[in-house]
Amino acid sequence: MMMNVQKNLASEMQQLAADFLRAKNRLAVTIAMYASEGMATLTDADYQELAEFAHVTVSEMTAARNAFNEINTAMGEYTTGTAVTRLMRIVNAVPK
């Protein structure tokens, strides 16, 4: 029989897995939109026009996009043996 702490840990793992899977889907869309919406053509001045991005440079945004790519790649696709497939096995719903 599971102890409460074990139940809590299993629940937390299940929730984190679901969160990661939702994030993977958002990552894929964000990466695709970065390319299709011409984000690479923006300049530092374009970012500085908006207060919430005034501190952001093109190189920082590009580095963030590259990090998104790396994370998305590390998670893998929904195929046998990948991290996302292993996470899918413990969640009880298809991620949105």
C-alpha atoms as a PDB file:
ATOM      1  CA  MET A   1       0.000   0.000   0.000  1.00  0.00           C
ATOM      2  CA  MET A   2       1.296   3.452  -0.891  1.00  0.00           C
ATOM      3  CA  MET A   3       2.157   5.881   1.863  1.00  0.00           C
ATOM      4  CA  ASN A   4       0.749   9.417   1.586  1.00  0.00           C
ATOM      5  CA  VAL A   5       4.120  10.877   0.667  1.00  0.00           C
ATOM      6  CA  GLN A   6       4.445   8.309  -2.136  1.00  0.00           C
ATOM      7  CA  LYS A   7       0.952   9.153  -3.416  1.00  0.00           C
ATOM      8  CA  ASN A   8       1.842  12.840  -3.304  1.00  0.00           C
ATOM      9  CA  LEU A   9       5.073  12.265  -5.194  1.00  0.00           C
ATOM     10  CA  ALA A  10       3.342  10.129  -7.834  1.00  0.00           C
ATOM     11  CA  SER A  11       0.695  12.833  -8.258  1.00  0.00           C
ATOM     12  CA  GLU A  12       3.367  15.522  -8.582  1.00  0.00           C
ATOM     13  CA  MET A  13       5.225  13.485 -11.188  1.00  0.00           C
ATOM     14  CA  GLN A  14       1.997  12.987 -13.116  1.00  0.00           C
ATOM     15  CA  GLN A  15       1.235  16.732 -12.988  1.00  0.00           C
ATOM     16  CA  LEU A  16       4.756  17.704 -14.038  1.00  0.00           C
ATOM     17  CA  ALA A  17       4.595  15.239 -16.927  1.00  0.00           C
ATOM     18  CA  ALA A  18       1.320  16.793 -18.090  1.00  0.00           C
ATOM     19  CA  ASP A  19       2.825  20.286 -17.755  1.00  0.00           C
ATOM     20  CA  PHE A  20       5.882  19.308 -19.801  1.00  0.00           C
ATOM     21  CA  LEU A  21       3.715  17.747 -22.511  1.00  0.00           C
ATOM     22  CA  ARG A  22       1.569  20.885 -22.760  1.00  0.00           C
ATOM     23  CA  ALA A  23       4.744  22.968 -22.921  1.00  0.00           C
ATOM     24  CA  LYS A  24       6.122  20.765 -25.721  1.00  0.00           C
ATOM     25  CA  ASN A  25       3.090  21.487 -27.848  1.00  0.00           C
ATOM     26  CA  ARG A  26       3.400  25.231 -27.137  1.00  0.00           C
ATOM     27  CA  LEU A  27       7.127  25.075 -27.927  1.00  0.00           C
ATOM     28  CA  ALA A  28       6.505  23.511 -31.322  1.00  0.00           C
ATOM     29  CA  VAL A  29       3.961  26.189 -32.250  1.00  0.00           C
ATOM     30  CA  THR A  30       6.166  29.012 -30.964  1.00  0.00           C
ATOM     31  CA  ILE A  31       9.192  27.740 -32.884  1.00  0.00           C
ATOM     32  CA  ALA A  32       7.164  27.457 -36.092  1.00  0.00           C
ATOM     33  CA  MET A  33       5.636  30.905 -35.650  1.00  0.00           C
ATOM     34  CA  TYR A  34       9.042  32.500 -34.947  1.00  0.00           C
ATOM     35  CA  ALA A  35      10.075  31.476 -38.443  1.00  0.00           C
ATOM     36  CA  SER A  36       6.795  32.117 -40.255  1.00  0.00           C
ATOM     37  CA  GLU A  37       6.084  35.525 -38.682  1.00  0.00           C
ATOM     38  CA  GLY A  38       9.414  37.085 -39.598  1.00  0.00           C
ATOM     39  CA  MET A  39      10.794  37.450 -36.073  1.00  0.00           C
ATOM     40  CA  ALA A  40      14.328  37.144 -37.471  1.00  0.00           C
ATOM     41  CA  THR A  41      13.857  40.395 -39.396  1.00  0.00           C
ATOM     42  CA  LEU A  42      13.279  42.494 -36.263  1.00  0.00           C
ATOM     43  CA  THR A  43      15.946  44.868 -34.966  1.00  0.00           C
ATOM     44  CA  ASP A  44      16.941  45.948 -31.473  1.00  0.00           C
ATOM     45  CA  ALA A  45      15.026  49.183 -32.122  1.00  0.00           C
ATOM     46  CA  ASP A  46      11.849  47.206 -32.853  1.00  0.00           C
ATOM     47  CA  TYR A  47      12.043  45.560 -29.435  1.00  0.00           C
ATOM     48  CA  GLN A  48      12.860  48.828 -27.680  1.00  0.00           C
ATOM     49  CA  GLU A  49       9.647  50.410 -28.983  1.00  0.00           C
ATOM     50  CA  LEU A  50       7.688  48.299 -26.477  1.00  0.00           C
ATOM     51  CA  ALA A  51       8.284  48.827 -22.769  1.00  0.00           C
ATOM     52  CA  GLU A  52       8.020  45.121 -21.923  1.00  0.00           C
ATOM     53  CA  PHE A  53      10.795  44.310 -24.418  1.00  0.00           C
ATOM     54  CA  ALA A  54      12.965  47.427 -24.042  1.00  0.00           C
ATOM     55  CA  HIS A  55      15.644  45.372 -22.273  1.00  0.00           C
ATOM     56  CA  VAL A  56      15.691  42.635 -24.959  1.00  0.00           C
ATOM     57  CA  THR A  57      18.115  42.515 -27.866  1.00  0.00           C
ATOM     58  CA  VAL A  58      17.844  40.558 -31.088  1.00  0.00           C
ATOM     59  CA  SER A  59      20.711  38.318 -30.019  1.00  0.00           C
ATOM     60  CA  GLU A  60      18.961  37.540 -26.719  1.00  0.00           C
ATOM     61  CA  MET A  61      15.695  36.706 -28.475  1.00  0.00           C
ATOM     62  CA  THR A  62      17.563  34.536 -30.975  1.00  0.00           C
ATOM     63  CA  ALA A  63      19.345  32.759 -28.113  1.00  0.00           C
ATOM     64  CA  ALA A  64      15.971  32.151 -26.439  1.00  0.00           C
ATOM     65  CA  ARG A  65      14.540  30.730 -29.678  1.00  0.00           C
ATOM     66  CA  ASN A  66      17.589  28.480 -29.964  1.00  0.00           C
ATOM     67  CA  ALA A  67      17.049  27.316 -26.374  1.00  0.00           C
ATOM     68  CA  PHE A  68      13.427  26.503 -27.233  1.00  0.00           C
ATOM     69  CA  ASN A  69      14.680  24.431 -30.179  1.00  0.00           C
ATOM     70  CA  GLU A  70      17.152  22.581 -27.955  1.00  0.00           C
ATOM     71  CA  ILE A  71      14.524  21.813 -25.308  1.00  0.00           C
ATOM     72  CA  ASN A  72      12.001  20.697 -27.925  1.00  0.00           C
ATOM     73  CA  THR A  73      14.582  18.453 -29.570  1.00  0.00           C
ATOM     74  CA  ALA A  74      15.679  16.974 -26.241  1.00  0.00           C
ATOM     75  CA  MET A  75      12.089  16.027 -25.413  1.00  0.00           C
ATOM     76  CA  GLY A  76      11.808  14.186 -28.706  1.00  0.00           C
ATOM     77  CA  GLU A  77       8.807  13.331 -30.803  1.00  0.00           C
ATOM     78  CA  TYR A  78       5.891  11.093 -29.875  1.00  0.00           C
ATOM     79  CA  THR A  79       7.730   7.919 -30.851  1.00  0.00           C
ATOM     80  CA  THR A  80       8.875   4.885 -28.887  1.00  0.00           C
ATOM     81  CA  GLY A  81      11.582   5.509 -26.330  1.00  0.00           C
ATOM     82  CA  THR A  82      11.597   9.309 -26.307  1.00  0.00           C
ATOM     83  CA  ALA A  83      11.213  11.448 -23.209  1.00  0.00           C
ATOM     84  CA  VAL A  84       7.732  12.631 -24.227  1.00  0.00           C
ATOM     85  CA  THR A  85       6.568   9.073 -24.789  1.00  0.00           C
ATOM     86  CA  ARG A  86       7.818   8.077 -21.344  1.00  0.00           C
ATOM     87  CA  LEU A  87       5.984  11.062 -19.827  1.00  0.00           C
ATOM     88  CA  MET A  88       2.789  10.186 -21.728  1.00  0.00           C
ATOM     89  CA  ARG A  89       2.684   6.805 -20.000  1.00  0.00           C
ATOM     90  CA  ILE A  90       2.010   8.362 -16.601  1.00  0.00           C
ATOM     91  CA  VAL A  91      -0.583  11.008 -17.483  1.00  0.00           C
ATOM     92  CA  ASN A  92      -4.251  10.225 -17.689  1.00  0.00           C
ATOM     93  CA  ALA A  93      -5.231  12.681 -20.438  1.00  0.00           C
ATOM     94  CA  VAL A  94      -3.990  13.696 -23.846  1.00  0.00           C
ATOM     95  CA  PRO A  95      -2.153  17.046 -23.509  1.00  0.00           C
ATOM     96  CA  LYS A  96      -3.603  20.064 -25.289  1.00  0.00           C
END
